[in-house]
Amino acid sequence: MKLSRLLSLPLLALAPLALAACGETDAVDGATSGEPLPAIAAPAGTKWGDMVTVTPEGGYLVGNPDAPLKLVEFASHTCGHCATFAITGKPVLKDKYIPTGVVSFELREVFLNPYDVVIAAMAQCGAKEQMQPLSDQVWQNLDQVFTGLQANPAAVQATAQLPVDQRFARIAEVTGLTEFFAARGLSADQARTCLSDGPKIEALVKNTEAQSKEFQITGTPTFLLNDNKLEVNTWDQLEPLLQRAGAR
């Protein structure tokens, strides 16, 4: 979705979120019959869980960048089902699967409304190692975030009159997002600088749109395993597919 189109969406209500199709998949390319893949040691003195890579697709990958099982999530920061996955699935991925070097986890953005753009730009504003933890903080506190987004509708509506290089920073201020991120290490000045960078935000939106078109993303969360789209959107559906492919 182009930035101009995103900016034309109503800011006073969050758009209903479509769900990715649920159900089991028959196969995953490259999957084994369930035999475990051998663990891969991280470079000396490092842990796979501490390794973060920004991929050519613009995603943020945690773990072995050459892992044989590459899991990708397309997610919106205002998506309740993405929040559920962040709470139920991400801790298991980080504690059990990513440390083996067999599974990597990459997060890519989906923008359903202007708030998603603001939150993504703020999550990506600092060090690359902070992007996923900040995103998880949003999902883990989504009720608090939503309360802020809906608390001051008149001030939010007034941001529509501002130029783009001021609008996103002002949205963050009046919805409490600036304060929320500041409490988690991103200063108000840092946030304002990132949210005022129109060309960077435009590029972020264009890249997200291109990714969504390429992989036909129609709902969130949507998962890829080794570039194969999975017809599941919950952790209890996803974990058996990882194990079937050799993750342990």
C-alpha atoms as a PDB file:
ATOM      1  CA  MET A   1       0.000   0.000   0.000  1.00  0.00           C
ATOM      2  CA  LYS A   2       1.430   3.369  -1.028  1.00  0.00           C
ATOM      3  CA  LEU A   3       2.151   5.984   1.617  1.00  0.00           C
ATOM      4  CA  SER A   4      -0.466   8.347   0.175  1.00  0.00           C
ATOM      5  CA  ARG A   5      -3.071   5.603   0.424  1.00  0.00           C
ATOM      6  CA  LEU A   6      -2.058   4.761   3.991  1.00  0.00           C
ATOM      7  CA  LEU A   7      -2.352   8.406   4.977  1.00  0.00           C
ATOM      8  CA  SER A   8      -5.882   8.537   3.578  1.00  0.00           C
ATOM      9  CA  LEU A   9      -7.102   5.747   5.864  1.00  0.00           C
ATOM     10  CA  PRO A  10      -9.178   6.752   8.890  1.00  0.00           C
ATOM     11  CA  LEU A  11      -7.075   7.261  11.993  1.00  0.00           C
ATOM     12  CA  LEU A  12      -9.904   7.204  14.496  1.00  0.00           C
ATOM     13  CA  ALA A  13     -10.608   3.493  14.186  1.00  0.00           C
ATOM     14  CA  LEU A  14      -8.335   0.568  13.581  1.00  0.00           C
ATOM     15  CA  ALA A  15      -9.184  -1.363  10.448  1.00  0.00           C
ATOM     16  CA  PRO A  16     -10.633  -4.867  10.880  1.00  0.00           C
ATOM     17  CA  LEU A  17      -7.869  -7.375  10.432  1.00  0.00           C
ATOM     18  CA  ALA A  18      -8.220 -10.275   8.026  1.00  0.00           C
ATOM     19  CA  LEU A  19      -6.800 -13.610   9.074  1.00  0.00           C
ATOM     20  CA  ALA A  20      -4.517 -15.820   7.057  1.00  0.00           C
ATOM     21  CA  ALA A  21      -6.204 -19.075   6.144  1.00  0.00           C
ATOM     22  CA  CYS A  22      -6.074 -21.661   8.901  1.00  0.00           C
ATOM     23  CA  GLY A  23      -5.473 -25.342   8.429  1.00  0.00           C
ATOM     24  CA  GLU A  24      -2.777 -27.915   7.907  1.00  0.00           C
ATOM     25  CA  THR A  25      -0.366 -28.017   5.016  1.00  0.00           C
ATOM     26  CA  ASP A  26       0.368 -31.240   3.207  1.00  0.00           C
ATOM     27  CA  ALA A  27       4.065 -30.613   2.693  1.00  0.00           C
ATOM     28  CA  VAL A  28       6.897 -28.172   3.070  1.00  0.00           C
ATOM     29  CA  ASP A  29       9.596 -28.189   0.409  1.00  0.00           C
ATOM     30  CA  GLY A  30      12.790 -29.629   1.789  1.00  0.00           C
ATOM     31  CA  ALA A  31      11.028 -31.185   4.777  1.00  0.00           C
ATOM     32  CA  THR A  32      12.303 -34.440   6.163  1.00  0.00           C
ATOM     33  CA  SER A  33      10.121 -37.238   7.471  1.00  0.00           C
ATOM     34  CA  GLY A  34      10.608 -35.842  10.933  1.00  0.00           C
ATOM     35  CA  GLU A  35      14.223 -36.843  11.513  1.00  0.00           C
ATOM     36  CA  PRO A  36      15.948 -34.120  13.535  1.00  0.00           C
ATOM     37  CA  LEU A  37      18.460 -31.932  11.760  1.00  0.00           C
ATOM     38  CA  PRO A  38      21.809 -31.736  13.577  1.00  0.00           C
ATOM     39  CA  ALA A  39      22.504 -28.644  15.639  1.00  0.00           C
ATOM     40  CA  ILE A  40      24.884 -26.075  14.166  1.00  0.00           C
ATOM     41  CA  ALA A  41      27.398 -24.451  16.483  1.00  0.00           C
ATOM     42  CA  ALA A  42      27.515 -20.662  16.628  1.00  0.00           C
ATOM     43  CA  PRO A  43      30.863 -18.936  16.052  1.00  0.00           C
ATOM     44  CA  ALA A  44      33.128 -19.082  19.093  1.00  0.00           C
ATOM     45  CA  GLY A  45      32.065 -16.722  21.845  1.00  0.00           C
ATOM     46  CA  THR A  46      28.640 -16.019  20.339  1.00  0.00           C
ATOM     47  CA  LYS A  47      25.085 -17.290  20.560  1.00  0.00           C
ATOM     48  CA  TRP A  48      22.701 -17.594  17.638  1.00  0.00           C
ATOM     49  CA  GLY A  49      19.998 -15.873  19.667  1.00  0.00           C
ATOM     50  CA  ASP A  50      22.128 -12.732  19.903  1.00  0.00           C
ATOM     51  CA  MET A  51      22.831 -12.570  16.177  1.00  0.00           C
ATOM     52  CA  VAL A  52      20.612 -10.155  14.206  1.00  0.00           C
ATOM     53  CA  THR A  53      20.763  -9.606  10.449  1.00  0.00           C
ATOM     54  CA  VAL A  54      18.863  -7.111   8.303  1.00  0.00           C
ATOM     55  CA  THR A  55      17.960  -9.144   5.237  1.00  0.00           C
ATOM     56  CA  PRO A  56      17.887  -7.924   1.614  1.00  0.00           C
ATOM     57  CA  GLU A  57      14.084  -8.036   1.900  1.00  0.00           C
ATOM     58  CA  GLY A  58      14.190  -5.516   4.741  1.00  0.00           C
ATOM     59  CA  GLY A  59      13.308  -8.005   7.452  1.00  0.00           C
ATOM     60  CA  TYR A  60      15.023  -8.456  10.792  1.00  0.00           C
ATOM     61  CA  LEU A  61      16.374 -11.994  11.186  1.00  0.00           C
ATOM     62  CA  VAL A  62      17.366 -13.503  14.518  1.00  0.00           C
ATOM     63  CA  GLY A  63      19.590 -16.569  14.545  1.00  0.00           C
ATOM     64  CA  ASN A  64      21.809 -18.355  12.076  1.00  0.00           C
ATOM     65  CA  PRO A  65      21.457 -16.467   8.759  1.00  0.00           C
ATOM     66  CA  ASP A  66      22.342 -19.727   6.987  1.00  0.00           C
ATOM     67  CA  ALA A  67      19.950 -21.897   8.987  1.00  0.00           C
ATOM     68  CA  PRO A  68      18.462 -24.772   6.973  1.00  0.00           C
ATOM     69  CA  LEU A  69      14.991 -23.806   8.215  1.00  0.00           C
ATOM     70  CA  LYS A  70      14.207 -20.149   7.599  1.00  0.00           C
ATOM     71  CA  LEU A  71      10.964 -19.041   9.218  1.00  0.00           C
ATOM     72  CA  VAL A  72       9.521 -15.666   8.197  1.00  0.00           C
ATOM     73  CA  GLU A  73       6.559 -13.910   9.782  1.00  0.00           C
ATOM     74  CA  PHE A  74       4.676 -11.123   8.009  1.00  0.00           C
ATOM     75  CA  ALA A  75       3.070  -9.149  10.824  1.00  0.00           C
ATOM     76  CA  SER A  76       1.244  -5.937  11.669  1.00  0.00           C
ATOM     77  CA  HIS A  77       1.949  -4.235  14.972  1.00  0.00           C
ATOM     78  CA  THR A  78      -1.774  -3.566  15.459  1.00  0.00           C
ATOM     79  CA  CYS A  79      -2.754  -7.188  14.815  1.00  0.00           C
ATOM     80  CA  GLY A  80      -4.159  -9.044  17.803  1.00  0.00           C
ATOM     81  CA  HIS A  81      -3.318 -12.465  16.367  1.00  0.00           C
ATOM     82  CA  CYS A  82       0.273 -11.315  15.820  1.00  0.00           C
ATOM     83  CA  ALA A  83       0.308 -10.351  19.485  1.00  0.00           C
ATOM     84  CA  THR A  84      -0.898 -13.818  20.424  1.00  0.00           C
ATOM     85  CA  PHE A  85       1.920 -15.377  18.410  1.00  0.00           C
ATOM     86  CA  ALA A  86       4.470 -13.036  19.996  1.00  0.00           C
ATOM     87  CA  ILE A  87       3.326 -14.186  23.430  1.00  0.00           C
ATOM     88  CA  THR A  88       2.842 -17.914  22.771  1.00  0.00           C
ATOM     89  CA  GLY A  89       5.308 -18.743  20.004  1.00  0.00           C
ATOM     90  CA  LYS A  90       8.227 -16.338  20.043  1.00  0.00           C
ATOM     91  CA  PRO A  91       9.536 -17.356  23.490  1.00  0.00           C
ATOM     92  CA  VAL A  92       9.650 -21.013  22.419  1.00  0.00           C
ATOM     93  CA  LEU A  93      11.411 -20.120  19.184  1.00  0.00           C
ATOM     94  CA  LYS A  94      13.997 -18.061  21.047  1.00  0.00           C
ATOM     95  CA  ASP A  95      14.567 -20.525  23.884  1.00  0.00           C
ATOM     96  CA  LYS A  96      14.318 -23.864  22.059  1.00  0.00           C
ATOM     97  CA  TYR A  97      14.757 -23.634  18.299  1.00  0.00           C
ATOM     98  CA  ILE A  98      16.901 -20.622  17.384  1.00  0.00           C
ATOM     99  CA  PRO A  99      19.787 -21.599  19.733  1.00  0.00           C
ATOM    100  CA  THR A 100      20.298 -24.838  17.759  1.00  0.00           C
ATOM    101  CA  GLY A 101      21.283 -22.916  14.629  1.00  0.00           C
ATOM    102  CA  VAL A 102      18.760 -24.984  12.679  1.00  0.00           C
ATOM    103  CA  VAL A 103      15.950 -22.397  12.699  1.00  0.00           C
ATOM    104  CA  SER A 104      16.137 -18.665  12.041  1.00  0.00           C
ATOM    105  CA  PHE A 105      13.254 -16.265  12.560  1.00  0.00           C
ATOM    106  CA  GLU A 106      12.736 -13.190  10.395  1.00  0.00           C
ATOM    107  CA  LEU A 107      10.140 -10.485  11.011  1.00  0.00           C
ATOM    108  CA  ARG A 108       8.796  -8.501   8.055  1.00  0.00           C
ATOM    109  CA  GLU A 109       6.315  -5.648   8.235  1.00  0.00           C
ATOM    110  CA  VAL A 110       2.747  -5.462   6.987  1.00  0.00           C
ATOM    111  CA  PHE A 111       1.040  -2.063   7.120  1.00  0.00           C
ATOM    112  CA  LEU A 112      -2.726  -2.062   7.609  1.00  0.00           C
ATOM    113  CA  ASN A 113      -3.057   1.530   8.834  1.00  0.00           C
ATOM    114  CA  PRO A 114      -0.914   4.611   9.556  1.00  0.00           C
ATOM    115  CA  TYR A 115      -0.289   3.474  13.131  1.00  0.00           C
ATOM    116  CA  ASP A 116       1.600   0.463  11.787  1.00  0.00           C
ATOM    117  CA  VAL A 117       3.929   2.811   9.900  1.00  0.00           C
ATOM    118  CA  VAL A 118       4.591   4.883  13.015  1.00  0.00           C
ATOM    119  CA  ILE A 119       5.285   1.856  15.211  1.00  0.00           C
ATOM    120  CA  ALA A 120       7.486   0.143  12.619  1.00  0.00           C
ATOM    121  CA  ALA A 121       9.553   3.281  12.066  1.00  0.00           C
ATOM    122  CA  MET A 122      10.064   3.598  15.808  1.00  0.00           C
ATOM    123  CA  ALA A 123      10.937  -0.083  16.272  1.00  0.00           C
ATOM    124  CA  GLN A 124      13.528   0.215  13.501  1.00  0.00           C
ATOM    125  CA  CYS A 125      14.905   3.534  14.747  1.00  0.00           C
ATOM    126  CA  GLY A 126      17.609   2.228  17.045  1.00  0.00           C
ATOM    127  CA  ALA A 127      20.111  -0.604  16.853  1.00  0.00           C
ATOM    128  CA  LYS A 128      19.063  -3.567  14.738  1.00  0.00           C
ATOM    129  CA  GLU A 129      19.256  -5.787  17.824  1.00  0.00           C
ATOM    130  CA  GLN A 130      16.404  -3.779  19.375  1.00  0.00           C
ATOM    131  CA  MET A 131      13.894  -4.100  16.558  1.00  0.00           C
ATOM    132  CA  GLN A 132      12.351  -7.453  17.487  1.00  0.00           C
ATOM    133  CA  PRO A 133      12.417  -6.833  21.263  1.00  0.00           C
ATOM    134  CA  LEU A 134      10.653  -3.484  20.769  1.00  0.00           C
ATOM    135  CA  SER A 135       8.091  -5.093  18.475  1.00  0.00           C
ATOM    136  CA  ASP A 136       7.471  -7.784  21.067  1.00  0.00           C
ATOM    137  CA  GLN A 137       6.973  -5.087  23.698  1.00  0.00           C
ATOM    138  CA  VAL A 138       4.232  -3.552  21.554  1.00  0.00           C
ATOM    139  CA  TRP A 139       2.475  -6.895  21.124  1.00  0.00           C
ATOM    140  CA  GLN A 140       2.868  -7.861  24.774  1.00  0.00           C
ATOM    141  CA  ASN A 141       1.269  -4.552  25.783  1.00  0.00           C
ATOM    142  CA  LEU A 142      -1.198  -4.177  22.930  1.00  0.00           C
ATOM    143  CA  ASP A 143      -4.130  -3.258  25.181  1.00  0.00           C
ATOM    144  CA  GLN A 144      -2.092  -0.357  26.577  1.00  0.00           C
ATOM    145  CA  VAL A 145      -1.032   0.686  23.079  1.00  0.00           C
ATOM    146  CA  PHE A 146      -4.629   0.568  21.799  1.00  0.00           C
ATOM    147  CA  THR A 147      -5.799   2.662  24.741  1.00  0.00           C
ATOM    148  CA  GLY A 148      -3.327   5.349  23.725  1.00  0.00           C
ATOM    149  CA  LEU A 149      -4.290   5.159  20.060  1.00  0.00           C
ATOM    150  CA  GLN A 150      -7.941   5.757  20.918  1.00  0.00           C
ATOM    151  CA  ALA A 151      -7.550   8.212  23.813  1.00  0.00           C
ATOM    152  CA  ASN A 152      -7.366  11.535  21.970  1.00  0.00           C
ATOM    153  CA  PRO A 153      -9.280  11.338  18.676  1.00  0.00           C
ATOM    154  CA  ALA A 154      -9.444  15.099  18.115  1.00  0.00           C
ATOM    155  CA  ALA A 155      -5.670  15.469  18.374  1.00  0.00           C
ATOM    156  CA  VAL A 156      -5.142  12.467  16.104  1.00  0.00           C
ATOM    157  CA  GLN A 157      -7.538  13.876  13.521  1.00  0.00           C
ATOM    158  CA  ALA A 158      -5.724  17.219  13.606  1.00  0.00           C
ATOM    159  CA  THR A 159      -2.504  15.544  12.440  1.00  0.00           C
ATOM    160  CA  ALA A 160      -4.062  15.164   8.994  1.00  0.00           C
ATOM    161  CA  GLN A 161      -3.435  18.887   8.444  1.00  0.00           C
ATOM    162  CA  LEU A 162       0.312  18.585   9.026  1.00  0.00           C
ATOM    163  CA  PRO A 163       2.956  17.951   6.365  1.00  0.00           C
ATOM    164  CA  VAL A 164       4.150  14.364   6.188  1.00  0.00           C
ATOM    165  CA  ASP A 165       7.512  15.143   7.786  1.00  0.00           C
ATOM    166  CA  GLN A 166       5.660  16.309  10.911  1.00  0.00           C
ATOM    167  CA  ARG A 167       2.599  14.083  10.874  1.00  0.00           C
ATOM    168  CA  PHE A 168       4.023  10.766  12.037  1.00  0.00           C
ATOM    169  CA  ALA A 169       5.977  12.305  14.912  1.00  0.00           C
ATOM    170  CA  ARG A 170       2.858  14.146  16.052  1.00  0.00           C
ATOM    171  CA  ILE A 171       0.761  10.967  15.866  1.00  0.00           C
ATOM    172  CA  ALA A 172       3.325   9.262  18.096  1.00  0.00           C
ATOM    173  CA  GLU A 173       3.179  12.120  20.594  1.00  0.00           C
ATOM    174  CA  VAL A 174      -0.610  12.391  20.915  1.00  0.00           C
ATOM    175  CA  THR A 175      -1.185   8.627  21.090  1.00  0.00           C
ATOM    176  CA  GLY A 176       1.386   7.967  23.791  1.00  0.00           C
ATOM    177  CA  LEU A 177       3.699   6.008  21.503  1.00  0.00           C
ATOM    178  CA  THR A 178       6.571   8.430  22.084  1.00  0.00           C
ATOM    179  CA  GLU A 179       6.270   7.887  25.827  1.00  0.00           C
ATOM    180  CA  PHE A 180       5.812   4.120  25.403  1.00  0.00           C
ATOM    181  CA  PHE A 181       9.022   3.750  23.399  1.00  0.00           C
ATOM    182  CA  ALA A 182      10.938   6.196  25.604  1.00  0.00           C
ATOM    183  CA  ALA A 183      10.243   3.924  28.561  1.00  0.00           C
ATOM    184  CA  ARG A 184      11.930   1.173  26.555  1.00  0.00           C
ATOM    185  CA  GLY A 185      15.070   3.037  25.580  1.00  0.00           C
ATOM    186  CA  LEU A 186      14.165   5.069  22.481  1.00  0.00           C
ATOM    187  CA  SER A 187      14.377   8.759  23.349  1.00  0.00           C
ATOM    188  CA  ALA A 188      11.804  11.264  22.146  1.00  0.00           C
ATOM    189  CA  ASP A 189      14.474  13.021  20.083  1.00  0.00           C
ATOM    190  CA  GLN A 190      15.488   9.757  18.396  1.00  0.00           C
ATOM    191  CA  ALA A 191      11.873   8.941  17.636  1.00  0.00           C
ATOM    192  CA  ARG A 192      11.176  12.411  16.245  1.00  0.00           C
ATOM    193  CA  THR A 193      14.213  12.217  13.959  1.00  0.00           C
ATOM    194  CA  CYS A 194      13.221   8.831  12.553  1.00  0.00           C
ATOM    195  CA  LEU A 195       9.563   9.765  12.144  1.00  0.00           C
ATOM    196  CA  SER A 196      10.514  12.963  10.294  1.00  0.00           C
ATOM    197  CA  ASP A 197      12.575  11.107   7.685  1.00  0.00           C
ATOM    198  CA  GLY A 198      10.033  11.127   4.854  1.00  0.00           C
ATOM    199  CA  PRO A 199      12.189   9.407   2.203  1.00  0.00           C
ATOM    200  CA  LYS A 200      13.099   6.573   4.578  1.00  0.00           C
ATOM    201  CA  ILE A 201       9.479   6.021   5.568  1.00  0.00           C
ATOM    202  CA  GLU A 202       8.410   6.138   1.912  1.00  0.00           C
ATOM    203  CA  ALA A 203      11.016   3.478   1.100  1.00  0.00           C
ATOM    204  CA  LEU A 204       9.821   1.367   4.030  1.00  0.00           C
ATOM    205  CA  VAL A 205       6.229   1.515   2.815  1.00  0.00           C
ATOM    206  CA  LYS A 206       7.192   0.713  -0.785  1.00  0.00           C
ATOM    207  CA  ASN A 207       9.271  -2.268   0.297  1.00  0.00           C
ATOM    208  CA  THR A 208       6.465  -3.571   2.476  1.00  0.00           C
ATOM    209  CA  GLU A 209       4.008  -3.229  -0.386  1.00  0.00           C
ATOM    210  CA  ALA A 210       6.339  -5.097  -2.751  1.00  0.00           C
ATOM    211  CA  GLN A 211       6.825  -7.942  -0.272  1.00  0.00           C
ATOM    212  CA  SER A 212       3.092  -8.247   0.318  1.00  0.00           C
ATOM    213  CA  LYS A 213       2.444  -8.469  -3.413  1.00  0.00           C
ATOM    214  CA  GLU A 214       5.234 -10.960  -4.068  1.00  0.00           C
ATOM    215  CA  PHE A 215       4.040 -13.390  -1.412  1.00  0.00           C
ATOM    216  CA  GLN A 216       0.317 -12.562  -1.745  1.00  0.00           C
ATOM    217  CA  ILE A 217      -0.075 -11.558   1.879  1.00  0.00           C
ATOM    218  CA  THR A 218      -3.796 -11.196   2.579  1.00  0.00           C
ATOM    219  CA  GLY A 219      -3.811 -11.416   6.363  1.00  0.00           C
ATOM    220  CA  THR A 220      -1.613 -11.342   9.419  1.00  0.00           C
ATOM    221  CA  PRO A 221       0.247 -13.176  10.678  1.00  0.00           C
ATOM    222  CA  THR A 222       1.386 -15.033   7.572  1.00  0.00           C
ATOM    223  CA  PHE A 223       4.323 -17.432   7.750  1.00  0.00           C
ATOM    224  CA  LEU A 224       6.862 -18.662   5.226  1.00  0.00           C
ATOM    225  CA  LEU A 225       9.135 -21.642   5.763  1.00  0.00           C
ATOM    226  CA  ASN A 226      11.992 -21.690   3.268  1.00  0.00           C
ATOM    227  CA  ASP A 227       9.944 -19.301   1.084  1.00  0.00           C
ATOM    228  CA  ASN A 228       6.918 -21.612   1.124  1.00  0.00           C
ATOM    229  CA  LYS A 229       3.737 -19.950   2.357  1.00  0.00           C
ATOM    230  CA  LEU A 230       2.149 -21.888   5.210  1.00  0.00           C
ATOM    231  CA  GLU A 231      -1.614 -22.011   5.655  1.00  0.00           C
ATOM    232  CA  VAL A 232      -1.384 -21.662   9.430  1.00  0.00           C
ATOM    233  CA  ASN A 233      -1.393 -18.639  11.695  1.00  0.00           C
ATOM    234  CA  THR A 234      -1.019 -19.915  15.250  1.00  0.00           C
ATOM    235  CA  TRP A 235       1.925 -21.378  17.135  1.00  0.00           C
ATOM    236  CA  ASP A 236       0.196 -24.674  17.897  1.00  0.00           C
ATOM    237  CA  GLN A 237      -0.292 -25.167  14.144  1.00  0.00           C
ATOM    238  CA  LEU A 238       3.168 -23.942  13.211  1.00  0.00           C
ATOM    239  CA  GLU A 239       5.353 -25.866  15.658  1.00  0.00           C
ATOM    240  CA  PRO A 240       4.443 -29.328  14.277  1.00  0.00           C
ATOM    241  CA  LEU A 241       5.469 -28.158  10.800  1.00  0.00           C
ATOM    242  CA  LEU A 242       8.841 -27.015  12.109  1.00  0.00           C
ATOM    243  CA  GLN A 243       9.340 -30.364  13.816  1.00  0.00           C
ATOM    244  CA  ARG A 244       8.247 -32.233  10.726  1.00  0.00           C
ATOM    245  CA  ALA A 245      10.924 -30.325   8.816  1.00  0.00           C
ATOM    246  CA  GLY A 246      13.576 -31.402  11.308  1.00  0.00           C
ATOM    247  CA  ALA A 247      13.556 -28.767  14.050  1.00  0.00           C
ATOM    248  CA  ARG A 248      14.016 -29.993  17.615  1.00  0.00           C
END
